[in-house]
Amino acid sequence: RLSLLDDLDEAKIPDYADLALKDHCLQTNPRPATKADLEGLL
């Protein structure tokens, strides 16, 4: 689980989703993902 990682903070999930949106790999993902989608996955 992500919660088992020491350096992550659950309150920062929106920030992590923002970072994921900036990752170029998301552009080639076969399924479009919104910030809400990424927050849900996280």
Full PDB file with SEQRES, HELIX, SHEET, SSBOND, CRYST1, ORIGX, SCALE, CONECT and MASTER records, all heavy atoms in Angstrom:
SEQRES   1 A   42  ARG LEU SER LEU LEU ASP ASP LEU ASP GLU ALA LYS ILE          
SEQRES   2 A   42  PRO ASP TYR ALA ASP LEU ALA LEU LYS ASP HIS CYS LEU          
SEQRES   3 A   42  GLN THR ASN PRO ARG PRO ALA THR LYS ALA ASP LEU GLU          
SEQRES   4 A   42  GLY LEU LEU                                                  
HELIX    1 AA1 LEU A    2  LEU A    4  5                                   3    
HELIX    2 AA2 GLU A   10  LYS A   12  5                                   3    
HELIX    3 AA3 ILE A   13  LYS A   22  1                                  10    
HELIX    4 AA4 HIS A   24  THR A   28  5                                   5    
HELIX    5 AA5 LYS A   35  LEU A   41  1                                   7    
CRYST1    1.000    1.000    1.000  90.00  90.00  90.00 P 1           1          
ORIGX1      1.000000  0.000000  0.000000        0.00000                         
ORIGX2      0.000000  1.000000  0.000000        0.00000                         
ORIGX3      0.000000  0.000000  1.000000        0.00000                         
SCALE1      1.000000  0.000000  0.000000        0.00000                         
SCALE2      0.000000  1.000000  0.000000        0.00000                         
SCALE3      0.000000  0.000000  1.000000        0.00000                         
ATOM      1  N   ARG A   1       0.853  -1.186   0.000  1.00  0.00           N  
ATOM      2  CA  ARG A   1       0.000   0.000   0.000  1.00  0.00           C  
ATOM      3  C   ARG A   1       0.890   1.238   0.000  1.00  0.00           C  
ATOM      4  O   ARG A   1       1.987   1.229   0.553  1.00  0.00           O  
ATOM      5  CB  ARG A   1      -0.882   0.046   1.257  1.00  0.00           C  
ATOM      6  CG  ARG A   1      -1.631  -1.200   1.623  1.00  0.00           C  
ATOM      7  CD  ARG A   1      -2.765  -1.572   0.740  1.00  0.00           C  
ATOM      8  NE  ARG A   1      -3.673  -0.453   0.510  1.00  0.00           N  
ATOM      9  CZ  ARG A   1      -4.519  -0.399  -0.502  1.00  0.00           C  
ATOM     10  NH1 ARG A   1      -4.570  -1.381  -1.357  1.00  0.00           N  
ATOM     11  NH2 ARG A   1      -5.311   0.609  -0.670  1.00  0.00           N  
ATOM     12  N   LEU A   2       0.411   2.313  -0.595  1.00  0.00           N  
ATOM     13  CA  LEU A   2       1.153   3.569  -0.573  1.00  0.00           C  
ATOM     14  C   LEU A   2       1.314   4.076   0.855  1.00  0.00           C  
ATOM     15  O   LEU A   2       2.310   4.732   1.184  1.00  0.00           O  
ATOM     16  CB  LEU A   2       0.446   4.622  -1.430  1.00  0.00           C  
ATOM     17  CG  LEU A   2       0.465   4.385  -2.934  1.00  0.00           C  
ATOM     18  CD1 LEU A   2      -0.351   5.464  -3.642  1.00  0.00           C  
ATOM     19  CD2 LEU A   2       1.884   4.356  -3.456  1.00  0.00           C  
ATOM     20  N   SER A   3       0.364   3.784   1.711  1.00  0.00           N  
ATOM     21  CA  SER A   3       0.423   4.256   3.098  1.00  0.00           C  
ATOM     22  C   SER A   3       1.606   3.667   3.869  1.00  0.00           C  
ATOM     23  O   SER A   3       1.981   4.190   4.921  1.00  0.00           O  
ATOM     24  CB  SER A   3      -0.875   3.918   3.825  1.00  0.00           C  
ATOM     25  OG  SER A   3      -1.103   2.529   3.822  1.00  0.00           O  
ATOM     26  N   LEU A   4       2.207   2.617   3.347  1.00  0.00           N  
ATOM     27  CA  LEU A   4       3.356   2.005   4.007  1.00  0.00           C  
ATOM     28  C   LEU A   4       4.667   2.700   3.663  1.00  0.00           C  
ATOM     29  O   LEU A   4       5.703   2.366   4.250  1.00  0.00           O  
ATOM     30  CB  LEU A   4       3.440   0.519   3.632  1.00  0.00           C  
ATOM     31  CG  LEU A   4       2.237  -0.321   4.056  1.00  0.00           C  
ATOM     32  CD1 LEU A   4       2.356  -1.736   3.515  1.00  0.00           C  
ATOM     33  CD2 LEU A   4       2.106  -0.327   5.564  1.00  0.00           C  
ATOM     34  N   LEU A   5       4.633   3.655   2.744  1.00  0.00           N  
ATOM     35  CA  LEU A   5       5.826   4.408   2.379  1.00  0.00           C  
ATOM     36  C   LEU A   5       5.978   5.601   3.314  1.00  0.00           C  
ATOM     37  O   LEU A   5       5.046   6.379   3.515  1.00  0.00           O  
ATOM     38  CB  LEU A   5       5.752   4.873   0.923  1.00  0.00           C  
ATOM     39  CG  LEU A   5       5.709   3.750  -0.112  1.00  0.00           C  
ATOM     40  CD1 LEU A   5       5.413   4.299  -1.489  1.00  0.00           C  
ATOM     41  CD2 LEU A   5       7.030   2.997  -0.118  1.00  0.00           C  
ATOM     42  N   ASP A   6       7.151   5.748   3.893  1.00  0.00           N  
ATOM     43  CA  ASP A   6       7.386   6.788   4.892  1.00  0.00           C  
ATOM     44  C   ASP A   6       7.270   8.204   4.361  1.00  0.00           C  
ATOM     45  O   ASP A   6       6.858   9.104   5.083  1.00  0.00           O  
ATOM     46  CB  ASP A   6       8.773   6.618   5.521  1.00  0.00           C  
ATOM     47  CG  ASP A   6       8.883   5.344   6.342  1.00  0.00           C  
ATOM     48  OD1 ASP A   6       7.846   4.873   6.849  1.00  0.00           O  
ATOM     49  OD2 ASP A   6       9.998   4.820   6.460  1.00  0.00           O  
ATOM     50  N   ASP A   7       7.662   8.444   3.139  1.00  0.00           N  
ATOM     51  CA  ASP A   7       7.760   9.810   2.621  1.00  0.00           C  
ATOM     52  C   ASP A   7       6.488  10.342   1.978  1.00  0.00           C  
ATOM     53  O   ASP A   7       6.510  11.443   1.428  1.00  0.00           O  
ATOM     54  CB  ASP A   7       8.911   9.902   1.617  1.00  0.00           C  
ATOM     55  CG  ASP A   7      10.252   9.603   2.265  1.00  0.00           C  
ATOM     56  OD1 ASP A   7      10.365   9.812   3.487  1.00  0.00           O  
ATOM     57  OD2 ASP A   7      11.184   9.177   1.566  1.00  0.00           O  
ATOM     58  N   LEU A   8       5.413   9.598   2.000  1.00  0.00           N  
ATOM     59  CA  LEU A   8       4.170  10.062   1.394  1.00  0.00           C  
ATOM     60  C   LEU A   8       3.185  10.516   2.464  1.00  0.00           C  
ATOM     61  O   LEU A   8       3.171  10.005   3.571  1.00  0.00           O  
ATOM     62  CB  LEU A   8       3.530   8.962   0.549  1.00  0.00           C  
ATOM     63  CG  LEU A   8       4.288   8.524  -0.691  1.00  0.00           C  
ATOM     64  CD1 LEU A   8       3.485   7.474  -1.446  1.00  0.00           C  
ATOM     65  CD2 LEU A   8       4.601   9.684  -1.595  1.00  0.00           C  
ATOM     66  N   ASP A   9       2.374  11.509   2.084  1.00  0.00           N  
ATOM     67  CA  ASP A   9       1.374  12.062   2.991  1.00  0.00           C  
ATOM     68  C   ASP A   9       0.020  12.001   2.284  1.00  0.00           C  
ATOM     69  O   ASP A   9      -0.145  12.551   1.197  1.00  0.00           O  
ATOM     70  CB  ASP A   9       1.753  13.508   3.315  1.00  0.00           C  
ATOM     71  CG  ASP A   9       0.785  14.195   4.241  1.00  0.00           C  
ATOM     72  OD1 ASP A   9      -0.212  13.587   4.676  1.00  0.00           O  
ATOM     73  OD2 ASP A   9       1.032  15.376   4.542  1.00  0.00           O  
ATOM     74  N   GLU A  10      -0.949  11.361   2.909  1.00  0.00           N  
ATOM     75  CA  GLU A  10      -2.258  11.196   2.286  1.00  0.00           C  
ATOM     76  C   GLU A  10      -2.907  12.537   1.955  1.00  0.00           C  
ATOM     77  O   GLU A  10      -3.617  12.663   0.960  1.00  0.00           O  
ATOM     78  CB  GLU A  10      -3.179  10.383   3.195  1.00  0.00           C  
ATOM     79  CG  GLU A  10      -4.494  10.026   2.540  1.00  0.00           C  
ATOM     80  CD  GLU A  10      -5.356   9.131   3.414  1.00  0.00           C  
ATOM     81  OE1 GLU A  10      -5.022   8.928   4.596  1.00  0.00           O  
ATOM     82  OE2 GLU A  10      -6.365   8.616   2.894  1.00  0.00           O  
ATOM     83  N   ALA A  11      -2.636  13.556   2.750  1.00  0.00           N  
ATOM     84  CA  ALA A  11      -3.200  14.883   2.496  1.00  0.00           C  
ATOM     85  C   ALA A  11      -2.668  15.507   1.207  1.00  0.00           C  
ATOM     86  O   ALA A  11      -3.270  16.434   0.673  1.00  0.00           O  
ATOM     87  CB  ALA A  11      -2.911  15.805   3.673  1.00  0.00           C  
ATOM     88  N   LYS A  12      -1.570  14.975   0.707  1.00  0.00           N  
ATOM     89  CA  LYS A  12      -0.957  15.515  -0.518  1.00  0.00           C  
ATOM     90  C   LYS A  12      -1.395  14.773  -1.781  1.00  0.00           C  
ATOM     91  O   LYS A  12      -0.839  14.997  -2.857  1.00  0.00           O  
ATOM     92  CB  LYS A  12       0.561  15.481  -0.399  1.00  0.00           C  
ATOM     93  CG  LYS A  12       1.097  16.447   0.634  1.00  0.00           C  
ATOM     94  CD  LYS A  12       2.602  16.456   0.613  1.00  0.00           C  
ATOM     95  CE  LYS A  12       3.150  17.463   1.603  1.00  0.00           C  
ATOM     96  NZ  LYS A  12       4.612  17.496   1.577  1.00  0.00           N  
ATOM     97  N   ILE A  13      -2.369  13.894  -1.675  1.00  0.00           N  
ATOM     98  CA  ILE A  13      -2.831  13.154  -2.854  1.00  0.00           C  
ATOM     99  C   ILE A  13      -3.192  14.094  -4.004  1.00  0.00           C  
ATOM    100  O   ILE A  13      -2.802  13.821  -5.147  1.00  0.00           O  
ATOM    101  CB  ILE A  13      -3.971  12.184  -2.495  1.00  0.00           C  
ATOM    102  CG1 ILE A  13      -3.371  10.963  -1.790  1.00  0.00           C  
ATOM    103  CG2 ILE A  13      -4.764  11.765  -3.729  1.00  0.00           C  
ATOM    104  CD1 ILE A  13      -4.378   9.915  -1.357  1.00  0.00           C  
ATOM    105  N   PRO A  14      -3.883  15.214  -3.769  1.00  0.00           N  
ATOM    106  CA  PRO A  14      -4.145  16.135  -4.889  1.00  0.00           C  
ATOM    107  C   PRO A  14      -2.854  16.650  -5.546  1.00  0.00           C  
ATOM    108  O   PRO A  14      -2.793  16.800  -6.770  1.00  0.00           O  
ATOM    109  CB  PRO A  14      -4.935  17.272  -4.251  1.00  0.00           C  
ATOM    110  CG  PRO A  14      -5.597  16.634  -3.070  1.00  0.00           C  
ATOM    111  CD  PRO A  14      -4.592  15.645  -2.551  1.00  0.00           C  
ATOM    112  N   ASP A  15      -1.823  16.890  -4.742  1.00  0.00           N  
ATOM    113  CA  ASP A  15      -0.535  17.330  -5.291  1.00  0.00           C  
ATOM    114  C   ASP A  15       0.121  16.220  -6.118  1.00  0.00           C  
ATOM    115  O   ASP A  15       0.699  16.476  -7.176  1.00  0.00           O  
ATOM    116  CB  ASP A  15       0.416  17.757  -4.170  1.00  0.00           C  
ATOM    117  CG  ASP A  15      -0.109  18.938  -3.372  1.00  0.00           C  
ATOM    118  OD1 ASP A  15      -0.852  19.761  -3.946  1.00  0.00           O  
ATOM    119  OD2 ASP A  15       0.215  19.027  -2.174  1.00  0.00           O  
ATOM    120  N   TYR A  16       0.045  14.997  -5.623  1.00  0.00           N  
ATOM    121  CA  TYR A  16       0.604  13.866  -6.361  1.00  0.00           C  
ATOM    122  C   TYR A  16      -0.130  13.671  -7.686  1.00  0.00           C  
ATOM    123  O   TYR A  16       0.491  13.349  -8.711  1.00  0.00           O  
ATOM    124  CB  TYR A  16       0.543  12.575  -5.537  1.00  0.00           C  
ATOM    125  CG  TYR A  16       1.249  12.641  -4.198  1.00  0.00           C  
ATOM    126  CD1 TYR A  16       0.744  11.962  -3.101  1.00  0.00           C  
ATOM    127  CD2 TYR A  16       2.412  13.381  -4.015  1.00  0.00           C  
ATOM    128  CE1 TYR A  16       1.377  12.000  -1.870  1.00  0.00           C  
ATOM    129  CE2 TYR A  16       3.059  13.429  -2.787  1.00  0.00           C  
ATOM    130  CZ  TYR A  16       2.523  12.737  -1.723  1.00  0.00           C  
ATOM    131  OH  TYR A  16       3.159  12.781  -0.499  1.00  0.00           O  
ATOM    132  N   ALA A  17      -1.442  13.879  -7.670  1.00  0.00           N  
ATOM    133  CA  ALA A  17      -2.226  13.770  -8.906  1.00  0.00           C  
ATOM    134  C   ALA A  17      -1.806  14.851  -9.893  1.00  0.00           C  
ATOM    135  O   ALA A  17      -1.697  14.585 -11.095  1.00  0.00           O  
ATOM    136  CB  ALA A  17      -3.716  13.858  -8.602  1.00  0.00           C  
ATOM    137  N   ASP A  18      -1.561  16.074  -9.398  1.00  0.00           N  
ATOM    138  CA  ASP A  18      -1.071  17.150 -10.269  1.00  0.00           C  
ATOM    139  C   ASP A  18       0.255  16.775 -10.915  1.00  0.00           C  
ATOM    140  O   ASP A  18       0.472  17.009 -12.106  1.00  0.00           O  
ATOM    141  CB  ASP A  18      -0.896  18.457  -9.484  1.00  0.00           C  
ATOM    142  CG  ASP A  18      -2.206  19.169  -9.225  1.00  0.00           C  
ATOM    143  OD1 ASP A  18      -3.152  19.003 -10.034  1.00  0.00           O  
ATOM    144  OD2 ASP A  18      -2.289  19.894  -8.216  1.00  0.00           O  
ATOM    145  N   LEU A  19       1.149  16.197 -10.131  1.00  0.00           N  
ATOM    146  CA  LEU A  19       2.439  15.767 -10.671  1.00  0.00           C  
ATOM    147  C   LEU A  19       2.250  14.681 -11.732  1.00  0.00           C  
ATOM    148  O   LEU A  19       2.922  14.691 -12.766  1.00  0.00           O  
ATOM    149  CB  LEU A  19       3.346  15.254  -9.547  1.00  0.00           C  
ATOM    150  CG  LEU A  19       3.867  16.300  -8.581  1.00  0.00           C  
ATOM    151  CD1 LEU A  19       4.579  15.636  -7.401  1.00  0.00           C  
ATOM    152  CD2 LEU A  19       4.800  17.269  -9.292  1.00  0.00           C  
ATOM    153  N   ALA A  20       1.356  13.761 -11.468  1.00  0.00           N  
ATOM    154  CA  ALA A  20       1.097  12.692 -12.437  1.00  0.00           C  
ATOM    155  C   ALA A  20       0.545  13.253 -13.739  1.00  0.00           C  
ATOM    156  O   ALA A  20       0.871  12.762 -14.826  1.00  0.00           O  
ATOM    157  CB  ALA A  20       0.142  11.666 -11.841  1.00  0.00           C  
ATOM    158  N   LEU A  21      -0.275  14.296 -13.647  1.00  0.00           N  
ATOM    159  CA  LEU A  21      -0.826  14.915 -14.865  1.00  0.00           C  
ATOM    160  C   LEU A  21       0.264  15.534 -15.728  1.00  0.00           C  
ATOM    161  O   LEU A  21       0.123  15.626 -16.940  1.00  0.00           O  
ATOM    162  CB  LEU A  21      -1.859  15.989 -14.496  1.00  0.00           C  
ATOM    163  CG  LEU A  21      -3.213  15.484 -14.044  1.00  0.00           C  
ATOM    164  CD1 LEU A  21      -4.053  16.635 -13.507  1.00  0.00           C  
ATOM    165  CD2 LEU A  21      -3.936  14.790 -15.183  1.00  0.00           C  
ATOM    166  N   LYS A  22       1.358  15.944 -15.106  1.00  0.00           N  
ATOM    167  CA  LYS A  22       2.471  16.564 -15.836  1.00  0.00           C  
ATOM    168  C   LYS A  22       3.427  15.536 -16.432  1.00  0.00           C  
ATOM    169  O   LYS A  22       4.276  15.890 -17.243  1.00  0.00           O  
ATOM    170  CB  LYS A  22       3.241  17.497 -14.900  1.00  0.00           C  
ATOM    171  CG  LYS A  22       2.416  18.678 -14.460  1.00  0.00           C  
ATOM    172  CD  LYS A  22       3.176  19.528 -13.461  1.00  0.00           C  
ATOM    173  CE  LYS A  22       2.279  20.645 -12.955  1.00  0.00           C  
ATOM    174  NZ  LYS A  22       2.926  21.424 -11.897  1.00  0.00           N  
ATOM    175  N   ASP A  23       3.295  14.293 -16.031  1.00  0.00           N  
ATOM    176  CA  ASP A  23       4.185  13.247 -16.531  1.00  0.00           C  
ATOM    177  C   ASP A  23       3.849  12.940 -17.989  1.00  0.00           C  
ATOM    178  O   ASP A  23       2.692  12.707 -18.336  1.00  0.00           O  
ATOM    179  CB  ASP A  23       4.025  11.985 -15.684  1.00  0.00           C  
ATOM    180  CG  ASP A  23       5.080  10.937 -15.991  1.00  0.00           C  
ATOM    181  OD1 ASP A  23       5.151  10.490 -17.157  1.00  0.00           O  
ATOM    182  OD2 ASP A  23       5.823  10.573 -15.073  1.00  0.00           O  
ATOM    183  N   HIS A  24       4.860  12.929 -18.839  1.00  0.00           N  
ATOM    184  CA  HIS A  24       4.631  12.711 -20.271  1.00  0.00           C  
ATOM    185  C   HIS A  24       4.068  11.317 -20.570  1.00  0.00           C  
ATOM    186  O   HIS A  24       3.453  11.105 -21.597  1.00  0.00           O  
ATOM    187  CB  HIS A  24       5.918  12.955 -21.071  1.00  0.00           C  
ATOM    188  CG  HIS A  24       6.959  11.895 -20.884  1.00  0.00           C  
ATOM    189  ND1 HIS A  24       7.826  11.885 -19.813  1.00  0.00           N  
ATOM    190  CD2 HIS A  24       7.248  10.812 -21.619  1.00  0.00           C  
ATOM    191  CE1 HIS A  24       8.617  10.836 -19.909  1.00  0.00           C  
ATOM    192  NE2 HIS A  24       8.290  10.160 -20.988  1.00  0.00           N  
ATOM    193  N   CYS A  25       4.257  10.375 -19.675  1.00  0.00           N  
ATOM    194  CA  CYS A  25       3.728   9.029 -19.902  1.00  0.00           C  
ATOM    195  C   CYS A  25       2.200   9.025 -19.947  1.00  0.00           C  
ATOM    196  O   CYS A  25       1.603   8.182 -20.614  1.00  0.00           O  
ATOM    197  CB  CYS A  25       4.210   8.076 -18.814  1.00  0.00           C  
ATOM    198  SG  CYS A  25       5.975   7.759 -18.875  1.00  0.00           S  
ATOM    199  N   LEU A  26       1.595   9.964 -19.258  1.00  0.00           N  
ATOM    200  CA  LEU A  26       0.135  10.023 -19.254  1.00  0.00           C  
ATOM    201  C   LEU A  26      -0.403  10.349 -20.649  1.00  0.00           C  
ATOM    202  O   LEU A  26      -1.500   9.931 -21.013  1.00  0.00           O  
ATOM    203  CB  LEU A  26      -0.345  11.062 -18.238  1.00  0.00           C  
ATOM    204  CG  LEU A  26      -1.832  11.092 -17.958  1.00  0.00           C  
ATOM    205  CD1 LEU A  26      -2.312   9.771 -17.375  1.00  0.00           C  
ATOM    206  CD2 LEU A  26      -2.176  12.233 -17.025  1.00  0.00           C  
ATOM    207  N   GLN A  27       0.382  11.057 -21.441  1.00  0.00           N  
ATOM    208  CA  GLN A  27      -0.055  11.435 -22.785  1.00  0.00           C  
ATOM    209  C   GLN A  27      -0.190  10.228 -23.705  1.00  0.00           C  
ATOM    210  O   GLN A  27      -0.957  10.261 -24.659  1.00  0.00           O  
ATOM    211  CB  GLN A  27       0.925  12.449 -23.396  1.00  0.00           C  
ATOM    212  CG  GLN A  27       1.117  13.695 -22.549  1.00  0.00           C  
ATOM    213  CD  GLN A  27      -0.174  14.380 -22.171  1.00  0.00           C  
ATOM    214  OE1 GLN A  27      -1.050  14.560 -22.998  1.00  0.00           O  
ATOM    215  NE2 GLN A  27      -0.309  14.736 -20.911  1.00  0.00           N  
ATOM    216  N   THR A  28       0.554   9.176 -23.421  1.00  0.00           N  
ATOM    217  CA  THR A  28       0.498   7.987 -24.278  1.00  0.00           C  
ATOM    218  C   THR A  28      -0.352   6.876 -23.658  1.00  0.00           C  
ATOM    219  O   THR A  28      -0.425   5.784 -24.204  1.00  0.00           O  
ATOM    220  CB  THR A  28       1.916   7.452 -24.561  1.00  0.00           C  
ATOM    221  OG1 THR A  28       2.548   7.129 -23.310  1.00  0.00           O  
ATOM    222  CG2 THR A  28       2.740   8.482 -25.315  1.00  0.00           C  
ATOM    223  N   ASN A  29      -0.974   7.171 -22.525  1.00  0.00           N  
ATOM    224  CA  ASN A  29      -1.843   6.190 -21.892  1.00  0.00           C  
ATOM    225  C   ASN A  29      -3.047   5.933 -22.809  1.00  0.00           C  
ATOM    226  O   ASN A  29      -3.653   6.869 -23.314  1.00  0.00           O  
ATOM    227  CB  ASN A  29      -2.311   6.713 -20.528  1.00  0.00           C  
ATOM    228  CG  ASN A  29      -2.940   5.645 -19.685  1.00  0.00           C  
ATOM    229  OD1 ASN A  29      -2.482   4.520 -19.648  1.00  0.00           O  
ATOM    230  ND2 ASN A  29      -3.999   6.005 -19.001  1.00  0.00           N  
ATOM    231  N   PRO A  30      -3.401   4.692 -23.044  1.00  0.00           N  
ATOM    232  CA  PRO A  30      -4.517   4.420 -23.959  1.00  0.00           C  
ATOM    233  C   PRO A  30      -5.867   4.874 -23.426  1.00  0.00           C  
ATOM    234  O   PRO A  30      -6.813   5.019 -24.186  1.00  0.00           O  
ATOM    235  CB  PRO A  30      -4.485   2.904 -24.130  1.00  0.00           C  
ATOM    236  CG  PRO A  30      -3.688   2.389 -23.004  1.00  0.00           C  
ATOM    237  CD  PRO A  30      -2.763   3.484 -22.579  1.00  0.00           C  
ATOM    238  N   ARG A  31      -5.941   5.135 -22.142  1.00  0.00           N  
ATOM    239  CA  ARG A  31      -7.197   5.573 -21.536  1.00  0.00           C  
ATOM    240  C   ARG A  31      -6.979   6.959 -20.916  1.00  0.00           C  
ATOM    241  O   ARG A  31      -6.129   7.108 -20.037  1.00  0.00           O  
ATOM    242  CB  ARG A  31      -7.602   4.574 -20.469  1.00  0.00           C  
ATOM    243  CG  ARG A  31      -8.917   4.848 -19.832  1.00  0.00           C  
ATOM    244  CD  ARG A  31      -9.243   3.722 -18.872  1.00  0.00           C  
ATOM    245  NE  ARG A  31     -10.536   3.917 -18.275  1.00  0.00           N  
ATOM    246  CZ  ARG A  31     -11.093   3.097 -17.445  1.00  0.00           C  
ATOM    247  NH1 ARG A  31     -10.456   2.001 -17.099  1.00  0.00           N  
ATOM    248  NH2 ARG A  31     -12.275   3.344 -16.942  1.00  0.00           N  
ATOM    249  N   PRO A  32      -7.706   7.966 -21.340  1.00  0.00           N  
ATOM    250  CA  PRO A  32      -7.535   9.295 -20.762  1.00  0.00           C  
ATOM    251  C   PRO A  32      -7.810   9.277 -19.253  1.00  0.00           C  
ATOM    252  O   PRO A  32      -8.658   8.522 -18.776  1.00  0.00           O  
ATOM    253  CB  PRO A  32      -8.577  10.153 -21.472  1.00  0.00           C  
ATOM    254  CG  PRO A  32      -8.969   9.388 -22.686  1.00  0.00           C  
ATOM    255  CD  PRO A  32      -8.748   7.944 -22.372  1.00  0.00           C  
ATOM    256  N   ALA A  33      -7.067  10.106 -18.524  1.00  0.00           N  
ATOM    257  CA  ALA A  33      -7.243  10.177 -17.076  1.00  0.00           C  
ATOM    258  C   ALA A  33      -7.293  11.633 -16.637  1.00  0.00           C  
ATOM    259  O   ALA A  33      -6.459  12.430 -17.043  1.00  0.00           O  
ATOM    260  CB  ALA A  33      -6.101   9.454 -16.369  1.00  0.00           C  
ATOM    261  N   THR A  34      -8.258  11.955 -15.820  1.00  0.00           N  
ATOM    262  CA  THR A  34      -8.390  13.293 -15.259  1.00  0.00           C  
ATOM    263  C   THR A  34      -7.715  13.325 -13.887  1.00  0.00           C  
ATOM    264  O   THR A  34      -7.332  12.286 -13.338  1.00  0.00           O  
ATOM    265  CB  THR A  34      -9.862  13.675 -15.091  1.00  0.00           C  
ATOM    266  OG1 THR A  34     -10.445  12.784 -14.112  1.00  0.00           O  
ATOM    267  CG2 THR A  34     -10.631  13.565 -16.403  1.00  0.00           C  
ATOM    268  N   LYS A  35      -7.625  14.509 -13.330  1.00  0.00           N  
ATOM    269  CA  LYS A  35      -7.068  14.630 -11.988  1.00  0.00           C  
ATOM    270  C   LYS A  35      -7.904  13.815 -11.007  1.00  0.00           C  
ATOM    271  O   LYS A  35      -7.354  13.124 -10.143  1.00  0.00           O  
ATOM    272  CB  LYS A  35      -7.000  16.094 -11.555  1.00  0.00           C  
ATOM    273  CG  LYS A  35      -6.410  16.267 -10.179  1.00  0.00           C  
ATOM    274  CD  LYS A  35      -6.273  17.721  -9.776  1.00  0.00           C  
ATOM    275  CE  LYS A  35      -5.701  17.801  -8.371  1.00  0.00           C  
ATOM    276  NZ  LYS A  35      -5.517  19.156  -7.908  1.00  0.00           N  
ATOM    277  N   ALA A  36      -9.218  13.870 -11.141  1.00  0.00           N  
ATOM    278  CA  ALA A  36     -10.092  13.096 -10.258  1.00  0.00           C  
ATOM    279  C   ALA A  36      -9.836  11.591 -10.408  1.00  0.00           C  
ATOM    280  O   ALA A  36      -9.848  10.860  -9.409  1.00  0.00           O  
ATOM    281  CB  ALA A  36     -11.551  13.419 -10.548  1.00  0.00           C  
ATOM    282  N   ASP A  37      -9.606  11.138 -11.642  1.00  0.00           N  
ATOM    283  CA  ASP A  37      -9.292   9.722 -11.868  1.00  0.00           C  
ATOM    284  C   ASP A  37      -8.009   9.336 -11.121  1.00  0.00           C  
ATOM    285  O   ASP A  37      -7.949   8.297 -10.456  1.00  0.00           O  
ATOM    286  CB  ASP A  37      -9.087   9.426 -13.354  1.00  0.00           C  
ATOM    287  CG  ASP A  37     -10.332   9.593 -14.194  1.00  0.00           C  
ATOM    288  OD1 ASP A  37     -11.442   9.403 -13.663  1.00  0.00           O  
ATOM    289  OD2 ASP A  37     -10.188   9.930 -15.389  1.00  0.00           O  
ATOM    290  N   LEU A  38      -6.995  10.180 -11.254  1.00  0.00           N  
ATOM    291  CA  LEU A  38      -5.711   9.886 -10.631  1.00  0.00           C  
ATOM    292  C   LEU A  38      -5.810   9.927  -9.110  1.00  0.00           C  
ATOM    293  O   LEU A  38      -5.233   9.083  -8.417  1.00  0.00           O  
ATOM    294  CB  LEU A  38      -4.645  10.860 -11.131  1.00  0.00           C  
ATOM    295  CG  LEU A  38      -4.347  10.761 -12.630  1.00  0.00           C  
ATOM    296  CD1 LEU A  38      -3.435  11.882 -13.071  1.00  0.00           C  
ATOM    297  CD2 LEU A  38      -3.752   9.409 -12.968  1.00  0.00           C  
ATOM    298  N   GLU A  39      -6.562  10.885  -8.598  1.00  0.00           N  
ATOM    299  CA  GLU A  39      -6.765  10.940  -7.148  1.00  0.00           C  
ATOM    300  C   GLU A  39      -7.482   9.673  -6.667  1.00  0.00           C  
ATOM    301  O   GLU A  39      -7.126   9.116  -5.623  1.00  0.00           O  
ATOM    302  CB  GLU A  39      -7.567  12.183  -6.758  1.00  0.00           C  
ATOM    303  CG  GLU A  39      -6.767  13.453  -6.817  1.00  0.00           C  
ATOM    304  CD  GLU A  39      -7.557  14.662  -6.347  1.00  0.00           C  
ATOM    305  OE1 GLU A  39      -8.512  14.510  -5.558  1.00  0.00           O  
ATOM    306  OE2 GLU A  39      -7.199  15.777  -6.765  1.00  0.00           O  
ATOM    307  N   GLY A  40      -8.451   9.215  -7.419  1.00  0.00           N  
ATOM    308  CA  GLY A  40      -9.144   7.978  -7.053  1.00  0.00           C  
ATOM    309  C   GLY A  40      -8.227   6.777  -7.038  1.00  0.00           C  
ATOM    310  O   GLY A  40      -8.299   5.941  -6.124  1.00  0.00           O  
ATOM    311  N   LEU A  41      -7.348   6.695  -8.035  1.00  0.00           N  
ATOM    312  CA  LEU A  41      -6.381   5.584  -8.069  1.00  0.00           C  
ATOM    313  C   LEU A  41      -5.443   5.640  -6.882  1.00  0.00           C  
ATOM    314  O   LEU A  41      -5.148   4.622  -6.244  1.00  0.00           O  
ATOM    315  CB  LEU A  41      -5.577   5.641  -9.360  1.00  0.00           C  
ATOM    316  CG  LEU A  41      -6.291   5.223 -10.630  1.00  0.00           C  
ATOM    317  CD1 LEU A  41      -5.442   5.552 -11.857  1.00  0.00           C  
ATOM    318  CD2 LEU A  41      -6.619   3.753 -10.600  1.00  0.00           C  
ATOM    319  N   LEU A  42      -4.963   6.850  -6.568  1.00  0.00           N  
ATOM    320  CA  LEU A  42      -4.054   6.994  -5.438  1.00  0.00           C  
ATOM    321  C   LEU A  42      -4.748   6.657  -4.113  1.00  0.00           C  
ATOM    322  O   LEU A  42      -4.173   5.995  -3.256  1.00  0.00           O  
ATOM    323  CB  LEU A  42      -3.485   8.407  -5.402  1.00  0.00           C  
ATOM    324  CG  LEU A  42      -2.498   8.742  -6.523  1.00  0.00           C  
ATOM    325  CD1 LEU A  42      -2.240  10.242  -6.591  1.00  0.00           C  
ATOM    326  CD2 LEU A  42      -1.197   7.983  -6.340  1.00  0.00           C  
TER     327      LEU A  42                                                      
MASTER        0    0    0    5    0    0    0    6  326    1    0    4          
END                                                                             
